[in-house]
Amino acid sequence: MWFVIFAEDHDDSLAKRKQARPAHIKRLEALKEQGRLLVAGPCPAIAEKDPGILGFTGSVVIAEFDTLEQAEQWAHADPYWEAGVYRSAHVKPFNPVLP
């Protein structure tokens, strides 16, 4: 089943995000290689592709896992947690309809 993971950043987490990004991307690449990643990306703090020093407010990942528990475990094992980027994460089942 597909799950949407919405993680919210702590305020002023940009420097920590940049430092932990390579490890974060490596995990996403593994999902992609397994054919289990639908989409992933950050949520800019302003309506610009590059928010500059304002940084990001969180991240969205839509990926396939066997169970909700597996999706939650994967979400909470992200390097951004250890780096102090994320303050919360919400994981919910997702049914892609379009396109």
C-alpha atoms as a PDB file:
ATOM      1  CA  MET A   1       0.000   0.000   0.000  1.00  0.00           C
ATOM      2  CA  TRP A   2       1.075   3.561  -0.579  1.00  0.00           C
ATOM      3  CA  PHE A   3       1.604   5.901   2.362  1.00  0.00           C
ATOM      4  CA  VAL A   4       2.089   9.644   2.554  1.00  0.00           C
ATOM      5  CA  ILE A   5       4.669  10.807   5.069  1.00  0.00           C
ATOM      6  CA  PHE A   6       4.497  14.459   6.040  1.00  0.00           C
ATOM      7  CA  ALA A   7       7.317  15.550   8.312  1.00  0.00           C
ATOM      8  CA  GLU A   8       7.535  19.026   9.828  1.00  0.00           C
ATOM      9  CA  ASP A   9      10.841  20.788  10.510  1.00  0.00           C
ATOM     10  CA  HIS A  10      11.951  22.569  13.637  1.00  0.00           C
ATOM     11  CA  ASP A  11      12.366  26.310  13.132  1.00  0.00           C
ATOM     12  CA  ASP A  12      15.757  27.353  11.753  1.00  0.00           C
ATOM     13  CA  SER A  13      16.691  23.822  10.664  1.00  0.00           C
ATOM     14  CA  LEU A  14      18.273  24.736   7.315  1.00  0.00           C
ATOM     15  CA  ALA A  15      21.910  24.190   8.352  1.00  0.00           C
ATOM     16  CA  LYS A  16      21.075  20.816   9.929  1.00  0.00           C
ATOM     17  CA  ARG A  17      19.017  19.883   6.858  1.00  0.00           C
ATOM     18  CA  LYS A  18      21.924  20.644   4.529  1.00  0.00           C
ATOM     19  CA  GLN A  19      24.320  18.579   6.635  1.00  0.00           C
ATOM     20  CA  ALA A  20      22.051  15.503   6.798  1.00  0.00           C
ATOM     21  CA  ARG A  21      20.740  15.741   3.221  1.00  0.00           C
ATOM     22  CA  PRO A  22      23.154  13.246   1.576  1.00  0.00           C
ATOM     23  CA  ALA A  23      22.102  10.459   3.983  1.00  0.00           C
ATOM     24  CA  HIS A  24      18.435  11.434   3.609  1.00  0.00           C
ATOM     25  CA  ILE A  25      18.676  11.302  -0.200  1.00  0.00           C
ATOM     26  CA  LYS A  26      20.476   7.947  -0.059  1.00  0.00           C
ATOM     27  CA  ARG A  27      17.459   6.397   1.706  1.00  0.00           C
ATOM     28  CA  LEU A  28      15.082   7.867  -0.848  1.00  0.00           C
ATOM     29  CA  GLU A  29      17.242   6.572  -3.704  1.00  0.00           C
ATOM     30  CA  ALA A  30      16.995   3.072  -2.212  1.00  0.00           C
ATOM     31  CA  LEU A  31      13.185   3.285  -2.271  1.00  0.00           C
ATOM     32  CA  LYS A  32      13.328   4.547  -5.852  1.00  0.00           C
ATOM     33  CA  GLU A  33      15.575   1.670  -6.943  1.00  0.00           C
ATOM     34  CA  GLN A  34      13.095  -0.768  -5.376  1.00  0.00           C
ATOM     35  CA  GLY A  35      10.221   0.832  -7.331  1.00  0.00           C
ATOM     36  CA  ARG A  36       8.556   1.932  -4.077  1.00  0.00           C
ATOM     37  CA  LEU A  37       8.871   5.727  -4.341  1.00  0.00           C
ATOM     38  CA  LEU A  38       6.099   7.745  -5.967  1.00  0.00           C
ATOM     39  CA  VAL A  39       7.349  11.236  -5.058  1.00  0.00           C
ATOM     40  CA  ALA A  40       9.465  13.009  -2.457  1.00  0.00           C
ATOM     41  CA  GLY A  41      10.492  16.568  -1.797  1.00  0.00           C
ATOM     42  CA  PRO A  42      10.780  19.450   0.638  1.00  0.00           C
ATOM     43  CA  CYS A  43       8.176  22.083   1.455  1.00  0.00           C
ATOM     44  CA  PRO A  44       9.717  25.555   0.961  1.00  0.00           C
ATOM     45  CA  ALA A  45       9.031  28.184   3.612  1.00  0.00           C
ATOM     46  CA  ILE A  46       7.847  30.552   0.851  1.00  0.00           C
ATOM     47  CA  ALA A  47       6.241  29.998  -2.546  1.00  0.00           C
ATOM     48  CA  GLU A  48       9.568  29.780  -4.368  1.00  0.00           C
ATOM     49  CA  LYS A  49      11.452  26.735  -5.641  1.00  0.00           C
ATOM     50  CA  ASP A  50      14.570  28.000  -3.848  1.00  0.00           C
ATOM     51  CA  PRO A  51      13.541  29.668  -0.576  1.00  0.00           C
ATOM     52  CA  GLY A  52      17.116  30.750   0.150  1.00  0.00           C
ATOM     53  CA  ILE A  53      17.915  31.370   3.803  1.00  0.00           C
ATOM     54  CA  LEU A  54      14.237  30.957   4.762  1.00  0.00           C
ATOM     55  CA  GLY A  55      14.662  27.225   4.226  1.00  0.00           C
ATOM     56  CA  PHE A  56      11.962  24.623   4.448  1.00  0.00           C
ATOM     57  CA  THR A  57       9.064  23.782   6.735  1.00  0.00           C
ATOM     58  CA  GLY A  58       9.041  20.037   6.166  1.00  0.00           C
ATOM     59  CA  SER A  59       9.073  17.208   3.670  1.00  0.00           C
ATOM     60  CA  VAL A  60       6.603  14.968   1.844  1.00  0.00           C
ATOM     61  CA  VAL A  61       7.309  11.394   0.818  1.00  0.00           C
ATOM     62  CA  ILE A  62       4.809   9.087  -0.863  1.00  0.00           C
ATOM     63  CA  ALA A  63       6.124   5.539  -0.865  1.00  0.00           C
ATOM     64  CA  GLU A  64       4.970   1.945  -0.800  1.00  0.00           C
ATOM     65  CA  PHE A  65       5.214  -0.196   2.334  1.00  0.00           C
ATOM     66  CA  ASP A  66       3.517  -3.431   3.393  1.00  0.00           C
ATOM     67  CA  THR A  67       2.006  -1.952   6.552  1.00  0.00           C
ATOM     68  CA  LEU A  68       1.405   1.352   8.293  1.00  0.00           C
ATOM     69  CA  GLU A  69       3.831   0.258  11.008  1.00  0.00           C
ATOM     70  CA  GLN A  70       6.602  -0.277   8.438  1.00  0.00           C
ATOM     71  CA  ALA A  71       5.947   3.151   6.940  1.00  0.00           C
ATOM     72  CA  GLU A  72       6.072   4.755  10.389  1.00  0.00           C
ATOM     73  CA  GLN A  73       9.301   2.946  11.273  1.00  0.00           C
ATOM     74  CA  TRP A  74      10.892   4.022   7.989  1.00  0.00           C
ATOM     75  CA  ALA A  75       9.778   7.624   8.507  1.00  0.00           C
ATOM     76  CA  HIS A  76      11.170   7.798  12.041  1.00  0.00           C
ATOM     77  CA  ALA A  77      14.524   6.281  11.021  1.00  0.00           C
ATOM     78  CA  ASP A  78      15.269   9.161   8.649  1.00  0.00           C
ATOM     79  CA  PRO A  79      18.643  10.899   9.171  1.00  0.00           C
ATOM     80  CA  TYR A  80      16.809  14.209   9.524  1.00  0.00           C
ATOM     81  CA  TRP A  81      15.500  12.995  12.923  1.00  0.00           C
ATOM     82  CA  GLU A  82      18.974  12.301  14.263  1.00  0.00           C
ATOM     83  CA  ALA A  83      20.197  15.642  12.912  1.00  0.00           C
ATOM     84  CA  GLY A  84      17.391  17.516  14.671  1.00  0.00           C
ATOM     85  CA  VAL A  85      15.661  18.689  11.489  1.00  0.00           C
ATOM     86  CA  TYR A  86      12.248  17.084  12.027  1.00  0.00           C
ATOM     87  CA  ARG A  87       9.979  17.802  14.977  1.00  0.00           C
ATOM     88  CA  SER A  88       7.015  15.627  13.905  1.00  0.00           C
ATOM     89  CA  ALA A  89       5.883  13.192  11.248  1.00  0.00           C
ATOM     90  CA  HIS A  90       2.428  12.082  10.172  1.00  0.00           C
ATOM     91  CA  VAL A  91       1.984   8.862   8.190  1.00  0.00           C
ATOM     92  CA  LYS A  92      -1.288   8.025   6.472  1.00  0.00           C
ATOM     93  CA  PRO A  93      -2.446   5.482   3.889  1.00  0.00           C
ATOM     94  CA  PHE A  94      -2.703   6.926   0.392  1.00  0.00           C
ATOM     95  CA  ASN A  95      -4.606   5.794  -2.717  1.00  0.00           C
ATOM     96  CA  PRO A  96      -3.239   7.345  -5.917  1.00  0.00           C
ATOM     97  CA  VAL A  97      -6.068   8.021  -8.374  1.00  0.00           C
ATOM     98  CA  LEU A  98      -4.710  10.490 -10.939  1.00  0.00           C
ATOM     99  CA  PRO A  99      -2.902  10.829 -13.271  1.00  0.00           C
END
